[in-house]
C-alpha atoms as a PDB file:
ATOM      1  CA  MET A   1      -0.083  -0.039   0.038  1.00  0.00           C
ATOM      2  CA  THR A   2       1.363   3.525  -0.884  1.00  0.00           C
ATOM      3  CA  GLY A   3      -0.256   6.477   0.622  1.00  0.00           C
ATOM      4  CA  PRO A   4       0.651   9.845   1.304  1.00  0.00           C
ATOM      5  CA  GLU A   5       3.086   8.886   4.259  1.00  0.00           C
ATOM      6  CA  THR A   6       5.418   6.566   2.511  1.00  0.00           C
ATOM      7  CA  GLU A   7       5.886   8.299  -1.027  1.00  0.00           C
ATOM      8  CA  PRO A   8       9.537   8.550  -1.146  1.00  0.00           C
ATOM      9  CA  GLU A   9      11.160  12.258  -0.966  1.00  0.00           C
ATOM     10  CA  VAL A  10      11.948  13.370  -4.475  1.00  0.00           C
ATOM     11  CA  LEU A  11      15.501  15.007  -4.552  1.00  0.00           C
ATOM     12  CA  PHE A  12      15.546  16.228  -8.145  1.00  0.00           C
ATOM     13  CA  SER A  13      13.494  15.481 -11.276  1.00  0.00           C
ATOM     14  CA  VAL A  14      14.333  15.403 -15.315  1.00  0.00           C
ATOM     15  CA  ALA A  15      12.743  18.464 -16.935  1.00  0.00           C
ATOM     16  CA  LYS A  16      14.122  17.200 -20.129  1.00  0.00           C
ATOM     17  CA  GLY A  17      15.181  14.211 -22.230  1.00  0.00           C
ATOM     18  CA  GLU A  18      15.615  10.808 -21.234  1.00  0.00           C
ATOM     19  CA  PRO A  19      18.720   9.631 -19.323  1.00  0.00           C
ATOM     20  CA  THR A  20      19.549   6.069 -18.891  1.00  0.00           C
ATOM     21  CA  PRO A  21      19.471   4.589 -15.503  1.00  0.00           C
ATOM     22  CA  GLU A  22      23.373   4.561 -15.264  1.00  0.00           C
ATOM     23  CA  GLU A  23      23.137   8.479 -16.026  1.00  0.00           C
ATOM     24  CA  LEU A  24      20.634   8.569 -13.442  1.00  0.00           C
ATOM     25  CA  ALA A  25      22.821   6.384 -11.158  1.00  0.00           C
ATOM     26  CA  ALA A  26      25.736   8.962 -11.646  1.00  0.00           C
ATOM     27  CA  LEU A  27      23.734  12.157 -11.046  1.00  0.00           C
ATOM     28  CA  THR A  28      22.464  10.870  -7.890  1.00  0.00           C
ATOM     29  CA  ALA A  29      25.794   9.744  -6.488  1.00  0.00           C
ATOM     30  CA  VAL A  30      27.071  13.022  -7.185  1.00  0.00           C
ATOM     31  CA  VAL A  31      23.647  15.318  -5.637  1.00  0.00           C
ATOM     32  CA  LEU A  32      24.185  12.852  -2.789  1.00  0.00           C
ATOM     33  CA  SER A  33      27.797  13.708  -2.433  1.00  0.00           C
ATOM     34  CA  LEU A  34      27.262  17.172  -2.279  1.00  0.00           C
ATOM     35  CA  GLY A  35      25.323  17.489   0.573  1.00  0.00           C
ATOM     36  CA  GLN A  36      27.978  15.377   3.033  1.00  0.00           C
ATOM     37  CA  ALA A  37      30.107  17.231   5.308  1.00  0.00           C
ATOM     38  CA  PRO A  38      33.851  17.251   3.959  1.00  0.00           C
ATOM     39  CA  GLN A  39      36.353  14.693   5.282  1.00  0.00           C
ATOM     40  CA  ALA A  40      39.508  15.620   7.373  1.00  0.00           C
ATOM     41  CA  ALA A  41      42.863  15.809   6.182  1.00  0.00           C
ATOM     42  CA  PRO A  42      44.787  12.932   7.359  1.00  0.00           C
ATOM     43  CA  GLU A  43      47.082  13.940  10.214  1.00  0.00           C
ATOM     44  CA  LYS A  44      50.924  14.702   9.582  1.00  0.00           C
ATOM     45  CA  PRO A  45      52.868  12.000  11.316  1.00  0.00           C
ATOM     46  CA  GLY A  46      53.659  13.494  15.103  1.00  0.00           C
ATOM     47  CA  VAL A  47      57.212  13.842  16.684  1.00  0.00           C
ATOM     48  CA  ARG A  48      56.761  10.537  18.174  1.00  0.00           C
ATOM     49  CA  HIS A  49      56.630   8.615  14.654  1.00  0.00           C
ATOM     50  CA  TRP A  50      60.223  10.289  13.896  1.00  0.00           C
ATOM     51  CA  VAL A  51      61.707   9.370  17.064  1.00  0.00           C
ATOM     52  CA  ARG A  52      60.759   5.781  16.299  1.00  0.00           C
ATOM     53  CA  ARG A  53      62.083   5.973  13.109  1.00  0.00           C
ATOM     54  CA  GLN A  54      65.220   6.958  14.357  1.00  0.00           C
ATOM     55  CA  GLN A  55      65.315   4.386  17.332  1.00  0.00           C
ATOM     56  CA  LEU A  56      64.907   2.056  14.676  1.00  0.00           C
ATOM     57  CA  ARG A  57      67.660   3.407  12.619  1.00  0.00           C
ATOM     58  CA  LEU A  58      65.202   3.849   9.712  1.00  0.00           C
ATOM     59  CA  ALA A  59      66.667   7.256   8.353  1.00  0.00           C
ATOM     60  CA  PRO A  60      67.513   7.091   4.641  1.00  0.00           C
ATOM     61  CA  LYS A  61      70.823   5.810   3.783  1.00  0.00           C
ATOM     62  CA  PRO A  62      72.325   5.842   0.857  1.00  0.00           C
ATOM     63  CA  GLY A  63      72.570   2.242  -0.746  1.00  0.00           C
ATOM     64  CA  PRO A  64      70.044   0.137  -2.555  1.00  0.00           C
ATOM     65  CA  ASP A  65      66.303   0.717  -1.991  1.00  0.00           C
ATOM     66  CA  ALA A  66      67.107   4.439  -0.273  1.00  0.00           C
ATOM     67  CA  TRP A  67      64.247   5.525  -1.689  1.00  0.00           C
ATOM     68  CA  ARG A  68      61.504   3.095   0.308  1.00  0.00           C
ATOM     69  CA  ARG A  69      63.178   3.796   3.326  1.00  0.00           C
ATOM     70  CA  SER A  70      62.848   7.962   2.325  1.00  0.00           C
ATOM     71  CA  LEU A  71      59.301   7.694   2.038  1.00  0.00           C
ATOM     72  CA  GLY A  72      58.236   8.254   6.047  1.00  0.00           C
END
């Protein structure tokens, strides 16, 4: 049974053209993502991270694969 209380809320409607179901799904995803709060940027590693790297002697050293140790 569908009554006025159970009808879904209309987010948007197509005024012109005949979009495919894939196009409607893409549009819906974009519209819903605009309403979300922005995500916080990942935090930079703190001092403790660098102290731990020094204790484990993970500082970059010249030699093979040195680029792997320099990423942090």
